[in-house]
């Protein structure tokens, strides 16, 4: 069933007024039960362009923290709620082709885990879901790149909806990426550092 009203607000998560705009949107909605965070940037950056690295950290680190933190405070002060955020399988290991991206996704994954622990410690009715997809065929990965095991946006959306409905803590999808992540974790650090990933 379609909602009676839809509220839209453009928010640049790196801007100084991002938190204020999110709070305004929550008020316009009359409250919030689910916060789904999907903002993010990233590049393959083997040349280590400082500009790209800093933009990635600003968006995926600082912007993420402001938005998710604002949602957490709202739920903590009210009757609770559900925070779901799209991170990435890139959080598993440091990727030489995308240093800031993989590092910022690891930050996000650890931050969500910490918030989950904090909510449980204080007996807050806050559910945290960390959604970790592989490559999804969207403009984010570009049309000129040929990434392996890409997922369609429709299939990705189904995975996300299912994870939220079932209140999963962590979801890695699909099964191919789940296997890849398991294998990545089995590789010793000394060997991983020598691999051309």
C-alpha atoms as a PDB file:
ATOM      1  CA  UNK A   1       0.000   0.000   0.000  1.00  0.00           C
ATOM      2  CA  UNK A   2       1.399   3.401  -0.998  1.00  0.00           C
ATOM      3  CA  UNK A   3       1.810   6.024   1.737  1.00  0.00           C
ATOM      4  CA  UNK A   4      -0.638   8.930   1.815  1.00  0.00           C
ATOM      5  CA  UNK A   5       2.177  11.436   1.797  1.00  0.00           C
ATOM      6  CA  UNK A   6       5.809  11.430   0.721  1.00  0.00           C
ATOM      7  CA  UNK A   7       8.279  13.949   2.121  1.00  0.00           C
ATOM      8  CA  UNK A   8      11.500  14.723   0.277  1.00  0.00           C
ATOM      9  CA  UNK A   9      14.487  16.703   1.517  1.00  0.00           C
ATOM     10  CA  UNK A  10      17.862  16.955  -0.168  1.00  0.00           C
ATOM     11  CA  UNK A  11      20.641  16.522   2.370  1.00  0.00           C
ATOM     12  CA  UNK A  12      24.364  16.741   1.688  1.00  0.00           C
ATOM     13  CA  UNK A  13      25.712  14.578   4.500  1.00  0.00           C
ATOM     14  CA  UNK A  14      29.004  16.514   4.454  1.00  0.00           C
ATOM     15  CA  UNK A  15      27.354  19.908   4.986  1.00  0.00           C
ATOM     16  CA  UNK A  16      27.281  21.710   8.316  1.00  0.00           C
ATOM     17  CA  UNK A  17      23.472  21.684   8.392  1.00  0.00           C
ATOM     18  CA  UNK A  18      23.042  17.979   7.572  1.00  0.00           C
ATOM     19  CA  UNK A  19      21.932  17.018  11.090  1.00  0.00           C
ATOM     20  CA  UNK A  20      19.499  19.928  11.252  1.00  0.00           C
ATOM     21  CA  UNK A  21      17.945  18.967   7.919  1.00  0.00           C
ATOM     22  CA  UNK A  22      17.533  15.362   9.000  1.00  0.00           C
ATOM     23  CA  UNK A  23      15.821  16.459  12.219  1.00  0.00           C
ATOM     24  CA  UNK A  24      13.528  18.733  10.185  1.00  0.00           C
ATOM     25  CA  UNK A  25      12.606  15.826   7.919  1.00  0.00           C
ATOM     26  CA  UNK A  26      11.832  13.612  10.923  1.00  0.00           C
ATOM     27  CA  UNK A  27       9.559  16.322  12.304  1.00  0.00           C
ATOM     28  CA  UNK A  28       7.807  16.722   8.942  1.00  0.00           C
ATOM     29  CA  UNK A  29       7.201  12.977   8.883  1.00  0.00           C
ATOM     30  CA  UNK A  30       5.761  13.092  12.377  1.00  0.00           C
ATOM     31  CA  UNK A  31       8.386  10.677  13.672  1.00  0.00           C
ATOM     32  CA  UNK A  32      10.543   7.821  12.419  1.00  0.00           C
ATOM     33  CA  UNK A  33      10.648   4.056  12.945  1.00  0.00           C
ATOM     34  CA  UNK A  34      13.240   3.109  10.307  1.00  0.00           C
ATOM     35  CA  UNK A  35      16.345   4.979   9.189  1.00  0.00           C
ATOM     36  CA  UNK A  36      17.993   3.529   6.064  1.00  0.00           C
ATOM     37  CA  UNK A  37      21.345   5.108   5.255  1.00  0.00           C
ATOM     38  CA  UNK A  38      22.651   4.597   1.723  1.00  0.00           C
ATOM     39  CA  UNK A  39      24.809   7.650   1.042  1.00  0.00           C
ATOM     40  CA  UNK A  40      28.393   7.000   0.000  1.00  0.00           C
ATOM     41  CA  UNK A  41      31.208   7.679  -2.444  1.00  0.00           C
ATOM     42  CA  UNK A  42      34.334   5.845  -3.485  1.00  0.00           C
ATOM     43  CA  UNK A  43      36.868   5.360  -6.226  1.00  0.00           C
ATOM     44  CA  UNK A  44      39.468   2.923  -7.340  1.00  0.00           C
ATOM     45  CA  UNK A  45      42.378   5.156  -6.449  1.00  0.00           C
ATOM     46  CA  UNK A  46      45.712   3.377  -7.009  1.00  0.00           C
ATOM     47  CA  UNK A  47      47.354   6.740  -7.742  1.00  0.00           C
ATOM     48  CA  UNK A  48      46.306   7.790  -4.207  1.00  0.00           C
ATOM     49  CA  UNK A  49      44.771  11.118  -5.189  1.00  0.00           C
ATOM     50  CA  UNK A  50      44.504  13.007  -1.900  1.00  0.00           C
ATOM     51  CA  UNK A  51      41.364  14.831  -3.043  1.00  0.00           C
ATOM     52  CA  UNK A  52      39.522  11.555  -3.727  1.00  0.00           C
ATOM     53  CA  UNK A  53      40.694  10.026  -0.457  1.00  0.00           C
ATOM     54  CA  UNK A  54      39.538  13.012   1.604  1.00  0.00           C
ATOM     55  CA  UNK A  55      36.167  13.259  -0.141  1.00  0.00           C
ATOM     56  CA  UNK A  56      35.625   9.551   0.559  1.00  0.00           C
ATOM     57  CA  UNK A  57      36.538   9.895   4.234  1.00  0.00           C
ATOM     58  CA  UNK A  58      34.419  13.037   4.611  1.00  0.00           C
ATOM     59  CA  UNK A  59      31.344  11.376   3.109  1.00  0.00           C
ATOM     60  CA  UNK A  60      31.710   7.780   4.318  1.00  0.00           C
ATOM     61  CA  UNK A  61      33.217   8.696   7.672  1.00  0.00           C
ATOM     62  CA  UNK A  62      32.117  12.114   8.935  1.00  0.00           C
ATOM     63  CA  UNK A  63      28.819  12.299   7.011  1.00  0.00           C
ATOM     64  CA  UNK A  64      27.910   8.735   7.965  1.00  0.00           C
ATOM     65  CA  UNK A  65      28.628   9.412  11.633  1.00  0.00           C
ATOM     66  CA  UNK A  66      26.518  12.583  11.691  1.00  0.00           C
ATOM     67  CA  UNK A  67      23.487  10.982  10.056  1.00  0.00           C
ATOM     68  CA  UNK A  68      23.554   7.645  11.861  1.00  0.00           C
ATOM     69  CA  UNK A  69      24.340   9.366  15.152  1.00  0.00           C
ATOM     70  CA  UNK A  70      21.378  11.716  14.710  1.00  0.00           C
ATOM     71  CA  UNK A  71      19.079   8.746  14.044  1.00  0.00           C
ATOM     72  CA  UNK A  72      20.465   6.888  17.074  1.00  0.00           C
ATOM     73  CA  UNK A  73      19.833   9.866  19.386  1.00  0.00           C
ATOM     74  CA  UNK A  74      16.300  10.235  18.046  1.00  0.00           C
ATOM     75  CA  UNK A  75      15.484   6.573  18.659  1.00  0.00           C
ATOM     76  CA  UNK A  76      17.147   6.649  22.099  1.00  0.00           C
ATOM     77  CA  UNK A  77      14.986   9.595  23.188  1.00  0.00           C
ATOM     78  CA  UNK A  78      11.797   8.099  21.793  1.00  0.00           C
ATOM     79  CA  UNK A  79      10.439   4.551  21.705  1.00  0.00           C
ATOM     80  CA  UNK A  80      13.296   3.050  19.722  1.00  0.00           C
ATOM     81  CA  UNK A  81      13.581   2.145  16.074  1.00  0.00           C
ATOM     82  CA  UNK A  82      15.679   0.495  13.400  1.00  0.00           C
ATOM     83  CA  UNK A  83      18.909   1.812  11.853  1.00  0.00           C
ATOM     84  CA  UNK A  84      19.945   0.052   8.645  1.00  0.00           C
ATOM     85  CA  UNK A  85      23.020   1.155   6.718  1.00  0.00           C
ATOM     86  CA  UNK A  86      24.522  -0.006   3.457  1.00  0.00           C
ATOM     87  CA  UNK A  87      28.225  -0.570   3.961  1.00  0.00           C
ATOM     88  CA  UNK A  88      30.067  -3.012   1.680  1.00  0.00           C
ATOM     89  CA  UNK A  89      31.941  -6.291   1.521  1.00  0.00           C
ATOM     90  CA  UNK A  90      34.922  -3.950   1.067  1.00  0.00           C
ATOM     91  CA  UNK A  91      34.915  -3.554   4.872  1.00  0.00           C
ATOM     92  CA  UNK A  92      36.466  -7.038   5.142  1.00  0.00           C
ATOM     93  CA  UNK A  93      40.045  -6.196   4.147  1.00  0.00           C
ATOM     94  CA  UNK A  94      42.140  -3.212   3.079  1.00  0.00           C
ATOM     95  CA  UNK A  95      41.930  -2.983  -0.716  1.00  0.00           C
ATOM     96  CA  UNK A  96      45.001  -1.570  -2.473  1.00  0.00           C
ATOM     97  CA  UNK A  97      42.894  -0.314  -5.387  1.00  0.00           C
ATOM     98  CA  UNK A  98      40.600   1.666  -3.063  1.00  0.00           C
ATOM     99  CA  UNK A  99      42.336   2.535   0.235  1.00  0.00           C
ATOM    100  CA  UNK A 100      39.965   5.193   1.590  1.00  0.00           C
ATOM    101  CA  UNK A 101      36.873   3.345   0.399  1.00  0.00           C
ATOM    102  CA  UNK A 102      37.735   0.036   2.078  1.00  0.00           C
ATOM    103  CA  UNK A 103      38.960   1.822   5.217  1.00  0.00           C
ATOM    104  CA  UNK A 104      35.811   3.961   5.461  1.00  0.00           C
ATOM    105  CA  UNK A 105      33.591   0.908   5.008  1.00  0.00           C
ATOM    106  CA  UNK A 106      35.487  -0.875   7.786  1.00  0.00           C
ATOM    107  CA  UNK A 107      34.874   2.200   9.943  1.00  0.00           C
ATOM    108  CA  UNK A 108      31.156   2.056   9.164  1.00  0.00           C
ATOM    109  CA  UNK A 109      30.899  -1.654   9.975  1.00  0.00           C
ATOM    110  CA  UNK A 110      32.721  -1.234  13.293  1.00  0.00           C
ATOM    111  CA  UNK A 111      30.696   1.866  14.163  1.00  0.00           C
ATOM    112  CA  UNK A 112      27.417   0.027  13.612  1.00  0.00           C
ATOM    113  CA  UNK A 113      28.630  -2.882  15.706  1.00  0.00           C
ATOM    114  CA  UNK A 114      29.583  -0.462  18.491  1.00  0.00           C
ATOM    115  CA  UNK A 115      26.177   1.242  18.355  1.00  0.00           C
ATOM    116  CA  UNK A 116      24.488  -2.149  18.592  1.00  0.00           C
ATOM    117  CA  UNK A 117      26.567  -2.954  21.671  1.00  0.00           C
ATOM    118  CA  UNK A 118      25.785   0.465  23.171  1.00  0.00           C
ATOM    119  CA  UNK A 119      22.049   0.088  22.597  1.00  0.00           C
ATOM    120  CA  UNK A 120      22.039  -3.332  24.244  1.00  0.00           C
ATOM    121  CA  UNK A 121      24.075  -2.077  27.195  1.00  0.00           C
ATOM    122  CA  UNK A 122      21.549   0.695  27.858  1.00  0.00           C
ATOM    123  CA  UNK A 123      18.546  -1.554  27.129  1.00  0.00           C
ATOM    124  CA  UNK A 124      17.385   0.619  24.235  1.00  0.00           C
ATOM    125  CA  UNK A 125      14.902  -0.730  21.712  1.00  0.00           C
ATOM    126  CA  UNK A 126      17.195   0.020  18.767  1.00  0.00           C
ATOM    127  CA  UNK A 127      17.892  -2.534  16.047  1.00  0.00           C
ATOM    128  CA  UNK A 128      21.045  -2.167  13.938  1.00  0.00           C
ATOM    129  CA  UNK A 129      21.395  -3.764  10.497  1.00  0.00           C
ATOM    130  CA  UNK A 130      24.663  -3.682   8.550  1.00  0.00           C
ATOM    131  CA  UNK A 131      23.985  -4.420   4.870  1.00  0.00           C
ATOM    132  CA  UNK A 132      27.099  -5.481   2.944  1.00  0.00           C
ATOM    133  CA  UNK A 133      26.539  -5.948  -0.783  1.00  0.00           C
ATOM    134  CA  UNK A 134      29.106  -6.788  -3.401  1.00  0.00           C
ATOM    135  CA  UNK A 135      29.084  -4.936  -6.729  1.00  0.00           C
ATOM    136  CA  UNK A 136      25.666  -3.604  -7.752  1.00  0.00           C
ATOM    137  CA  UNK A 137      24.974  -2.495 -11.336  1.00  0.00           C
ATOM    138  CA  UNK A 138      24.359   1.189 -10.651  1.00  0.00           C
ATOM    139  CA  UNK A 139      26.022   4.405 -11.876  1.00  0.00           C
ATOM    140  CA  UNK A 140      28.164   4.223  -8.710  1.00  0.00           C
ATOM    141  CA  UNK A 141      30.462   1.590 -10.245  1.00  0.00           C
ATOM    142  CA  UNK A 142      30.334   3.233 -13.678  1.00  0.00           C
ATOM    143  CA  UNK A 143      29.573   1.877 -17.102  1.00  0.00           C
ATOM    144  CA  UNK A 144      33.199   1.525 -18.211  1.00  0.00           C
ATOM    145  CA  UNK A 145      34.205  -0.957 -15.523  1.00  0.00           C
ATOM    146  CA  UNK A 146      33.646  -4.691 -15.687  1.00  0.00           C
ATOM    147  CA  UNK A 147      33.319  -5.904 -12.131  1.00  0.00           C
ATOM    148  CA  UNK A 148      32.812  -9.568 -11.266  1.00  0.00           C
ATOM    149  CA  UNK A 149      29.646 -10.998  -9.746  1.00  0.00           C
ATOM    150  CA  UNK A 150      27.563  -7.853 -10.124  1.00  0.00           C
ATOM    151  CA  UNK A 151      24.023  -7.802  -8.757  1.00  0.00           C
ATOM    152  CA  UNK A 152      20.974  -6.195 -10.299  1.00  0.00           C
ATOM    153  CA  UNK A 153      19.429  -3.252  -8.406  1.00  0.00           C
ATOM    154  CA  UNK A 154      16.105  -5.139  -8.154  1.00  0.00           C
ATOM    155  CA  UNK A 155      17.710  -8.239  -6.628  1.00  0.00           C
ATOM    156  CA  UNK A 156      19.737  -6.040  -4.290  1.00  0.00           C
ATOM    157  CA  UNK A 157      16.589  -4.235  -3.125  1.00  0.00           C
ATOM    158  CA  UNK A 158      14.936  -7.571  -2.326  1.00  0.00           C
ATOM    159  CA  UNK A 159      17.906  -8.590  -0.181  1.00  0.00           C
ATOM    160  CA  UNK A 160      17.800  -5.253   1.659  1.00  0.00           C
ATOM    161  CA  UNK A 161      14.061  -5.414   2.302  1.00  0.00           C
ATOM    162  CA  UNK A 162      14.355  -8.988   3.586  1.00  0.00           C
ATOM    163  CA  UNK A 163      17.232  -8.065   5.915  1.00  0.00           C
ATOM    164  CA  UNK A 164      15.273  -5.159   7.372  1.00  0.00           C
ATOM    165  CA  UNK A 165      12.076  -7.183   7.800  1.00  0.00           C
ATOM    166  CA  UNK A 166      13.940  -9.954   9.602  1.00  0.00           C
ATOM    167  CA  UNK A 167      16.034  -7.469  11.608  1.00  0.00           C
ATOM    168  CA  UNK A 168      19.306  -9.069  10.596  1.00  0.00           C
ATOM    169  CA  UNK A 169      22.447  -7.774  12.319  1.00  0.00           C
ATOM    170  CA  UNK A 170      24.672  -8.296   9.276  1.00  0.00           C
ATOM    171  CA  UNK A 171      23.777  -9.286   5.746  1.00  0.00           C
ATOM    172  CA  UNK A 172      26.359 -10.168   3.091  1.00  0.00           C
ATOM    173  CA  UNK A 173      24.854 -10.955  -0.286  1.00  0.00           C
ATOM    174  CA  UNK A 174      24.559 -12.822  -2.426  1.00  0.00           C
ATOM    175  CA  UNK A 175      25.896 -16.315  -1.600  1.00  0.00           C
ATOM    176  CA  UNK A 176      28.833 -15.811  -3.991  1.00  0.00           C
ATOM    177  CA  UNK A 177      29.982 -12.741  -2.074  1.00  0.00           C
ATOM    178  CA  UNK A 178      29.400 -14.521   1.221  1.00  0.00           C
ATOM    179  CA  UNK A 179      31.856 -17.215   0.100  1.00  0.00           C
ATOM    180  CA  UNK A 180      34.352 -14.582  -1.113  1.00  0.00           C
ATOM    181  CA  UNK A 181      34.251 -12.822   2.258  1.00  0.00           C
ATOM    182  CA  UNK A 182      34.837 -16.113   4.101  1.00  0.00           C
ATOM    183  CA  UNK A 183      37.843 -16.821   1.877  1.00  0.00           C
ATOM    184  CA  UNK A 184      39.220 -13.274   2.311  1.00  0.00           C
ATOM    185  CA  UNK A 185      39.073 -13.672   6.079  1.00  0.00           C
ATOM    186  CA  UNK A 186      41.045 -16.927   5.884  1.00  0.00           C
ATOM    187  CA  UNK A 187      43.958 -15.260   4.079  1.00  0.00           C
ATOM    188  CA  UNK A 188      46.732 -14.317   6.546  1.00  0.00           C
ATOM    189  CA  UNK A 189      47.629 -10.637   6.696  1.00  0.00           C
ATOM    190  CA  UNK A 190      51.206 -11.203   5.474  1.00  0.00           C
ATOM    191  CA  UNK A 191      49.882 -12.933   2.344  1.00  0.00           C
ATOM    192  CA  UNK A 192      47.037 -10.475   1.743  1.00  0.00           C
ATOM    193  CA  UNK A 193      49.497  -7.564   1.761  1.00  0.00           C
ATOM    194  CA  UNK A 194      51.381  -9.190  -1.111  1.00  0.00           C
ATOM    195  CA  UNK A 195      48.294  -9.866  -3.231  1.00  0.00           C
ATOM    196  CA  UNK A 196      47.401  -7.595  -6.150  1.00  0.00           C
ATOM    197  CA  UNK A 197      43.801  -6.838  -5.194  1.00  0.00           C
END
